[in-house]
Amino acid sequence: MKRIQRVLAVSSSLALLLALGACGERPATDTTVGSSSSTTTAPSSDTSVLGAGKSTGAIDDAQIVTKINTGLAADKDLSVFKIDVDSKSGMVTLKGSVPNETAKSRAAEIAKATKDVKSVDNQLSVSAS
């Protein structure tokens, strides 16, 4: 069961990253039938895909949440716990339950180390299970 939760969390995160990557701007091409030349516009210098460069606030928050969830799923001690991650303008909130203070601190460290995170409100509760 724990493995299924981990696989689900990682695959959901990857699907979100792929969906966000597909939102990038594509270079335009114009090929006219019967014309002896075709015009191709140079690719834009937009590097907003996956967090590089500028992008809108909503996408930044979605990327932040995805990166934190991926980091939590990759941590062998935290991947088995349900930790809810929310981000608004780079201000992250962690909610859920973990077994000890070490796990609570580790979750906050992963969130704080994520690019574009401005602050972390660690509301995780410690409860022995």
N, C-alpha and C. Protein backbone atom coordinates (compact mmCIF):
# COMPACT_ATOMS: atom_id res chain seq x y z
N MET A 1 0.82 -1.19 0.00
CA MET A 1 0.00 0.00 0.00
C MET A 1 0.87 1.25 0.00
N LYS A 2 1.93 1.23 0.80
CA LYS A 2 2.82 2.39 0.88
C LYS A 2 3.49 2.62 -0.47
N ARG A 3 3.86 1.54 -1.13
CA ARG A 3 4.52 1.66 -2.43
C ARG A 3 3.56 2.26 -3.46
N ILE A 4 2.31 1.86 -3.40
CA ILE A 4 1.31 2.39 -4.33
C ILE A 4 1.14 3.89 -4.12
N GLN A 5 1.11 4.33 -2.86
CA GLN A 5 0.99 5.76 -2.57
C GLN A 5 2.20 6.52 -3.12
N ARG A 6 3.38 5.96 -2.94
CA ARG A 6 4.60 6.61 -3.41
C ARG A 6 4.59 6.71 -4.94
N VAL A 7 4.25 5.62 -5.60
CA VAL A 7 4.21 5.61 -7.07
C VAL A 7 3.17 6.60 -7.57
N LEU A 8 2.03 6.65 -6.92
CA LEU A 8 0.97 7.58 -7.30
C LEU A 8 1.44 9.03 -7.14
N ALA A 9 2.10 9.34 -6.03
CA ALA A 9 2.57 10.70 -5.79
C ALA A 9 3.63 11.11 -6.82
N VAL A 10 4.56 10.22 -7.10
CA VAL A 10 5.62 10.55 -8.07
C VAL A 10 5.04 10.68 -9.47
N SER A 11 4.17 9.77 -9.86
CA SER A 11 3.61 9.84 -11.21
C SER A 11 2.70 11.06 -11.37
N SER A 12 1.98 11.44 -10.33
CA SER A 12 1.16 12.65 -10.39
C SER A 12 2.04 13.88 -10.55
N SER A 13 3.14 13.92 -9.83
CA SER A 13 4.06 15.04 -9.93
C SER A 13 4.66 15.13 -11.32
N LEU A 14 5.07 14.01 -11.86
CA LEU A 14 5.64 14.00 -13.21
C LEU A 14 4.62 14.42 -14.25
N ALA A 15 3.39 13.97 -14.11
CA ALA A 15 2.33 14.35 -15.05
C ALA A 15 2.11 15.86 -15.02
N LEU A 16 2.12 16.44 -13.83
CA LEU A 16 1.95 17.88 -13.71
C LEU A 16 3.11 18.62 -14.35
N LEU A 17 4.33 18.16 -14.13
CA LEU A 17 5.49 18.79 -14.76
C LEU A 17 5.41 18.71 -16.28
N LEU A 18 5.01 17.58 -16.81
CA LEU A 18 4.87 17.44 -18.26
C LEU A 18 3.78 18.36 -18.79
N ALA A 19 2.68 18.46 -18.07
CA ALA A 19 1.59 19.35 -18.50
C ALA A 19 2.05 20.80 -18.50
N LEU A 20 2.79 21.19 -17.48
CA LEU A 20 3.29 22.56 -17.42
C LEU A 20 4.31 22.81 -18.53
N GLY A 21 5.12 21.82 -18.83
CA GLY A 21 6.11 21.96 -19.90
C GLY A 21 5.44 22.13 -21.26
N ALA A 22 4.29 21.52 -21.45
CA ALA A 22 3.57 21.62 -22.72
C ALA A 22 2.95 23.00 -22.91
N CYS A 23 2.91 23.80 -21.88
CA CYS A 23 2.31 25.14 -21.97
C CYS A 23 3.27 26.16 -22.57
N GLY A 24 4.51 25.77 -22.82
CA GLY A 24 5.51 26.70 -23.34
C GLY A 24 5.17 27.19 -24.73
N GLU A 25 5.73 28.33 -25.10
CA GLU A 25 5.51 28.92 -26.41
C GLU A 25 6.27 28.14 -27.47
N ARG A 26 5.63 27.92 -28.59
CA ARG A 26 6.27 27.19 -29.68
C ARG A 26 6.60 28.16 -30.80
N PRO A 27 7.71 27.93 -31.52
CA PRO A 27 8.05 28.82 -32.63
C PRO A 27 7.02 28.70 -33.75
N ALA A 28 6.71 29.81 -34.38
CA ALA A 28 5.74 29.82 -35.46
C ALA A 28 6.45 29.56 -36.78
N THR A 29 5.79 28.85 -37.67
CA THR A 29 6.33 28.63 -39.02
C THR A 29 5.24 28.98 -40.01
N ASP A 30 5.65 29.50 -41.15
CA ASP A 30 4.70 29.87 -42.19
C ASP A 30 5.18 29.26 -43.49
N THR A 31 4.49 28.27 -43.96
CA THR A 31 4.83 27.68 -45.25
C THR A 31 3.61 27.81 -46.14
N THR A 32 3.72 28.57 -47.20
CA THR A 32 2.63 28.82 -48.10
C THR A 32 2.74 27.90 -49.30
N VAL A 33 1.65 27.22 -49.64
CA VAL A 33 1.64 26.33 -50.79
C VAL A 33 1.83 27.15 -52.05
N GLY A 34 2.71 26.69 -52.93
CA GLY A 34 2.95 27.39 -54.19
C GLY A 34 4.00 28.48 -54.08
N SER A 35 4.48 28.74 -52.92
CA SER A 35 5.51 29.76 -52.74
C SER A 35 6.87 29.11 -52.88
N SER A 36 7.80 29.84 -53.45
CA SER A 36 9.14 29.29 -53.65
C SER A 36 10.00 29.40 -52.40
N SER A 37 9.53 30.10 -51.42
CA SER A 37 10.29 30.21 -50.18
C SER A 37 9.37 30.01 -48.99
N SER A 38 9.95 29.59 -47.91
CA SER A 38 9.17 29.47 -46.68
C SER A 38 9.82 30.34 -45.63
N THR A 39 9.00 30.88 -44.78
CA THR A 39 9.50 31.75 -43.73
C THR A 39 9.38 31.04 -42.41
N THR A 40 10.44 31.02 -41.66
CA THR A 40 10.43 30.41 -40.35
C THR A 40 10.84 31.46 -39.34
N THR A 41 10.04 31.62 -38.34
CA THR A 41 10.37 32.54 -37.26
C THR A 41 11.35 31.87 -36.33
N ALA A 42 12.36 32.59 -35.90
CA ALA A 42 13.35 32.03 -34.98
C ALA A 42 12.67 31.68 -33.67
N PRO A 43 13.11 30.61 -33.04
CA PRO A 43 12.53 30.25 -31.74
C PRO A 43 12.67 31.39 -30.75
N SER A 44 11.65 31.56 -29.94
CA SER A 44 11.70 32.63 -28.95
C SER A 44 12.72 32.29 -27.88
N SER A 45 13.12 33.29 -27.14
CA SER A 45 14.09 33.07 -26.07
C SER A 45 13.37 32.81 -24.75
N ASP A 46 12.10 32.44 -24.83
CA ASP A 46 11.32 32.14 -23.62
C ASP A 46 11.85 30.88 -22.96
N THR A 47 12.26 31.01 -21.71
CA THR A 47 12.79 29.87 -20.97
C THR A 47 11.94 29.59 -19.75
N SER A 48 10.64 29.87 -19.84
CA SER A 48 9.78 29.73 -18.67
C SER A 48 9.39 28.29 -18.36
N VAL A 49 9.74 27.35 -19.21
CA VAL A 49 9.38 25.96 -18.97
C VAL A 49 10.13 25.42 -17.76
N LEU A 50 9.41 24.79 -16.85
CA LEU A 50 9.95 24.15 -15.65
C LEU A 50 10.74 25.09 -14.75
N GLY A 51 10.28 26.31 -14.60
CA GLY A 51 10.83 27.18 -13.58
C GLY A 51 11.95 28.09 -14.01
N ALA A 52 12.46 27.96 -15.22
CA ALA A 52 13.54 28.83 -15.66
C ALA A 52 12.94 30.12 -16.19
N GLY A 53 13.48 31.25 -15.82
CA GLY A 53 13.01 32.52 -16.33
C GLY A 53 11.71 32.95 -15.67
N LYS A 54 10.99 33.87 -16.34
CA LYS A 54 9.76 34.41 -15.78
C LYS A 54 8.56 33.60 -16.23
N SER A 55 7.59 33.53 -15.36
CA SER A 55 6.31 32.92 -15.70
C SER A 55 5.27 33.49 -14.75
N THR A 56 4.02 33.10 -14.94
CA THR A 56 2.97 33.68 -14.11
C THR A 56 2.99 33.09 -12.71
N GLY A 57 2.40 33.79 -11.77
CA GLY A 57 2.39 33.35 -10.38
C GLY A 57 1.73 32.00 -10.17
N ALA A 58 0.62 31.74 -10.87
CA ALA A 58 -0.08 30.47 -10.70
C ALA A 58 0.80 29.31 -11.11
N ILE A 59 1.53 29.47 -12.20
CA ILE A 59 2.41 28.38 -12.65
C ILE A 59 3.57 28.23 -11.67
N ASP A 60 4.12 29.30 -11.18
CA ASP A 60 5.20 29.20 -10.21
C ASP A 60 4.75 28.41 -8.98
N ASP A 61 3.56 28.71 -8.46
CA ASP A 61 3.06 28.00 -7.29
C ASP A 61 2.83 26.53 -7.59
N ALA A 62 2.30 26.23 -8.76
CA ALA A 62 2.09 24.83 -9.14
C ALA A 62 3.43 24.10 -9.24
N GLN A 63 4.42 24.77 -9.80
CA GLN A 63 5.74 24.17 -9.91
C GLN A 63 6.37 23.96 -8.54
N ILE A 64 6.20 24.93 -7.66
CA ILE A 64 6.74 24.82 -6.30
C ILE A 64 6.12 23.60 -5.60
N VAL A 65 4.80 23.49 -5.66
CA VAL A 65 4.10 22.37 -5.01
C VAL A 65 4.58 21.04 -5.60
N THR A 66 4.69 20.98 -6.92
CA THR A 66 5.14 19.75 -7.58
C THR A 66 6.56 19.38 -7.16
N LYS A 67 7.44 20.36 -7.12
CA LYS A 67 8.83 20.08 -6.73
C LYS A 67 8.92 19.62 -5.27
N ILE A 68 8.16 20.25 -4.39
CA ILE A 68 8.18 19.84 -2.98
C ILE A 68 7.60 18.44 -2.84
N ASN A 69 6.47 18.16 -3.50
CA ASN A 69 5.88 16.82 -3.43
C ASN A 69 6.84 15.77 -3.97
N THR A 70 7.56 16.09 -5.02
CA THR A 70 8.55 15.17 -5.57
C THR A 70 9.68 14.93 -4.57
N GLY A 71 10.13 15.99 -3.91
CA GLY A 71 11.17 15.87 -2.90
C GLY A 71 10.72 15.05 -1.70
N LEU A 72 9.49 15.25 -1.27
CA LEU A 72 8.94 14.47 -0.14
C LEU A 72 8.79 13.00 -0.53
N ALA A 73 8.34 12.75 -1.75
CA ALA A 73 8.17 11.36 -2.21
C ALA A 73 9.51 10.65 -2.36
N ALA A 74 10.56 11.40 -2.67
CA ALA A 74 11.88 10.81 -2.85
C ALA A 74 12.58 10.52 -1.52
N ASP A 75 12.14 11.16 -0.45
CA ASP A 75 12.74 10.95 0.86
C ASP A 75 12.20 9.66 1.47
N LYS A 76 13.09 8.71 1.76
CA LYS A 76 12.65 7.40 2.24
C LYS A 76 11.90 7.45 3.56
N ASP A 77 12.18 8.46 4.37
CA ASP A 77 11.51 8.56 5.67
C ASP A 77 10.18 9.31 5.60
N LEU A 78 10.00 10.15 4.59
CA LEU A 78 8.79 10.97 4.50
C LEU A 78 7.79 10.47 3.46
N SER A 79 8.23 9.62 2.55
CA SER A 79 7.38 9.22 1.43
C SER A 79 6.13 8.45 1.86
N VAL A 80 6.15 7.88 3.03
CA VAL A 80 5.00 7.08 3.48
C VAL A 80 3.93 7.91 4.19
N PHE A 81 4.17 9.20 4.38
CA PHE A 81 3.22 10.05 5.10
C PHE A 81 2.47 10.96 4.15
N LYS A 82 1.22 11.26 4.48
CA LYS A 82 0.39 12.17 3.70
C LYS A 82 0.67 13.58 4.19
N ILE A 83 1.42 14.33 3.39
CA ILE A 83 1.73 15.72 3.71
C ILE A 83 1.13 16.59 2.63
N ASP A 84 0.20 17.46 3.02
CA ASP A 84 -0.44 18.38 2.08
C ASP A 84 0.44 19.62 1.93
N VAL A 85 0.71 19.99 0.68
CA VAL A 85 1.55 21.14 0.38
C VAL A 85 0.72 22.15 -0.38
N ASP A 86 0.76 23.39 0.06
CA ASP A 86 0.06 24.48 -0.62
C ASP A 86 1.04 25.64 -0.78
N SER A 87 0.91 26.39 -1.87
CA SER A 87 1.78 27.54 -2.08
C SER A 87 0.96 28.69 -2.66
N LYS A 88 1.15 29.85 -2.08
CA LYS A 88 0.53 31.08 -2.58
C LYS A 88 1.62 32.13 -2.66
N SER A 89 1.96 32.51 -3.88
CA SER A 89 3.02 33.51 -4.12
C SER A 89 4.33 33.11 -3.47
N GLY A 90 4.63 31.83 -3.48
CA GLY A 90 5.90 31.35 -2.92
C GLY A 90 5.89 31.11 -1.42
N MET A 91 4.76 31.38 -0.77
CA MET A 91 4.64 31.13 0.66
C MET A 91 3.99 29.75 0.84
N VAL A 92 4.77 28.80 1.32
CA VAL A 92 4.36 27.40 1.37
C VAL A 92 3.80 27.04 2.74
N THR A 93 2.73 26.24 2.74
CA THR A 93 2.15 25.71 3.96
C THR A 93 2.18 24.19 3.90
N LEU A 94 2.70 23.56 4.96
CA LEU A 94 2.73 22.11 5.08
C LEU A 94 1.72 21.70 6.13
N LYS A 95 0.84 20.73 5.80
CA LYS A 95 -0.16 20.24 6.75
C LYS A 95 -0.17 18.72 6.69
N GLY A 96 -0.50 18.12 7.81
CA GLY A 96 -0.57 16.67 7.89
C GLY A 96 -0.01 16.20 9.21
N SER A 97 0.29 14.92 9.27
CA SER A 97 0.78 14.32 10.50
C SER A 97 2.02 13.48 10.22
N VAL A 98 3.03 13.64 11.06
CA VAL A 98 4.27 12.88 10.96
C VAL A 98 4.58 12.28 12.34
N PRO A 99 5.43 11.24 12.41
CA PRO A 99 5.62 10.55 13.68
C PRO A 99 6.54 11.24 14.70
N ASN A 100 7.39 12.17 14.23
CA ASN A 100 8.34 12.78 15.18
C ASN A 100 8.82 14.14 14.67
N GLU A 101 9.52 14.86 15.55
CA GLU A 101 10.04 16.19 15.23
C GLU A 101 11.07 16.15 14.10
N THR A 102 11.83 15.05 14.01
CA THR A 102 12.83 14.93 12.96
C THR A 102 12.16 14.93 11.59
N ALA A 103 11.08 14.19 11.45
CA ALA A 103 10.35 14.15 10.18
C ALA A 103 9.74 15.51 9.86
N LYS A 104 9.23 16.18 10.88
CA LYS A 104 8.64 17.51 10.70
C LYS A 104 9.70 18.50 10.21
N SER A 105 10.87 18.47 10.82
CA SER A 105 11.97 19.36 10.42
C SER A 105 12.46 19.03 9.02
N ARG A 106 12.56 17.74 8.70
CA ARG A 106 13.05 17.32 7.39
C ARG A 106 12.10 17.78 6.29
N ALA A 107 10.80 17.71 6.51
CA ALA A 107 9.82 18.17 5.52
C ALA A 107 9.98 19.67 5.28
N ALA A 108 10.19 20.42 6.35
CA ALA A 108 10.39 21.87 6.21
C ALA A 108 11.68 22.18 5.46
N GLU A 109 12.74 21.41 5.72
CA GLU A 109 14.01 21.60 5.02
C GLU A 109 13.85 21.39 3.52
N ILE A 110 13.12 20.33 3.14
CA ILE A 110 12.90 20.05 1.71
C ILE A 110 12.13 21.20 1.07
N ALA A 111 11.11 21.70 1.76
CA ALA A 111 10.33 22.82 1.22
C ALA A 111 11.17 24.08 1.09
N LYS A 112 11.96 24.40 2.13
CA LYS A 112 12.78 25.62 2.12
C LYS A 112 13.85 25.58 1.03
N ALA A 113 14.33 24.38 0.71
CA ALA A 113 15.39 24.23 -0.29
C ALA A 113 14.86 24.32 -1.72
N THR A 114 13.56 24.39 -1.89
CA THR A 114 12.96 24.43 -3.22
C THR A 114 13.04 25.83 -3.79
N LYS A 115 13.41 25.90 -5.07
CA LYS A 115 13.55 27.19 -5.75
C LYS A 115 12.26 27.99 -5.70
N ASP A 116 12.36 29.28 -5.50
CA ASP A 116 11.26 30.25 -5.47
C ASP A 116 10.41 30.21 -4.21
N VAL A 117 10.76 29.39 -3.22
CA VAL A 117 10.03 29.38 -1.96
C VAL A 117 10.49 30.57 -1.12
N LYS A 118 9.53 31.40 -0.71
CA LYS A 118 9.86 32.58 0.08
C LYS A 118 9.78 32.30 1.58
N SER A 119 8.81 31.48 1.99
CA SER A 119 8.67 31.14 3.41
C SER A 119 7.93 29.80 3.52
N VAL A 120 8.09 29.16 4.68
CA VAL A 120 7.43 27.89 4.94
C VAL A 120 6.71 27.97 6.28
N ASP A 121 5.40 27.72 6.25
CA ASP A 121 4.59 27.65 7.46
C ASP A 121 4.38 26.17 7.74
N ASN A 122 5.16 25.63 8.68
CA ASN A 122 5.13 24.20 8.96
C ASN A 122 4.05 23.91 9.99
N GLN A 123 2.89 23.49 9.52
CA GLN A 123 1.75 23.16 10.39
C GLN A 123 1.63 21.65 10.60
N LEU A 124 2.69 20.91 10.32
CA LEU A 124 2.65 19.46 10.52
C LEU A 124 2.52 19.15 12.00
N SER A 125 1.66 18.20 12.33
CA SER A 125 1.52 17.79 13.71
C SER A 125 2.31 16.50 13.94
N VAL A 126 2.85 16.38 15.13
CA VAL A 126 3.62 15.19 15.49
C VAL A 126 2.71 14.29 16.31
N SER A 127 2.50 13.08 15.79
CA SER A 127 1.68 12.11 16.51
C SER A 127 2.22 10.73 16.27
N ALA A 128 2.46 10.01 17.34
CA ALA A 128 2.96 8.64 17.23
C ALA A 128 1.85 7.77 16.69
N SER A 129 2.19 6.98 15.65
CA SER A 129 1.15 6.11 15.09
C SER A 129 1.55 4.68 15.09
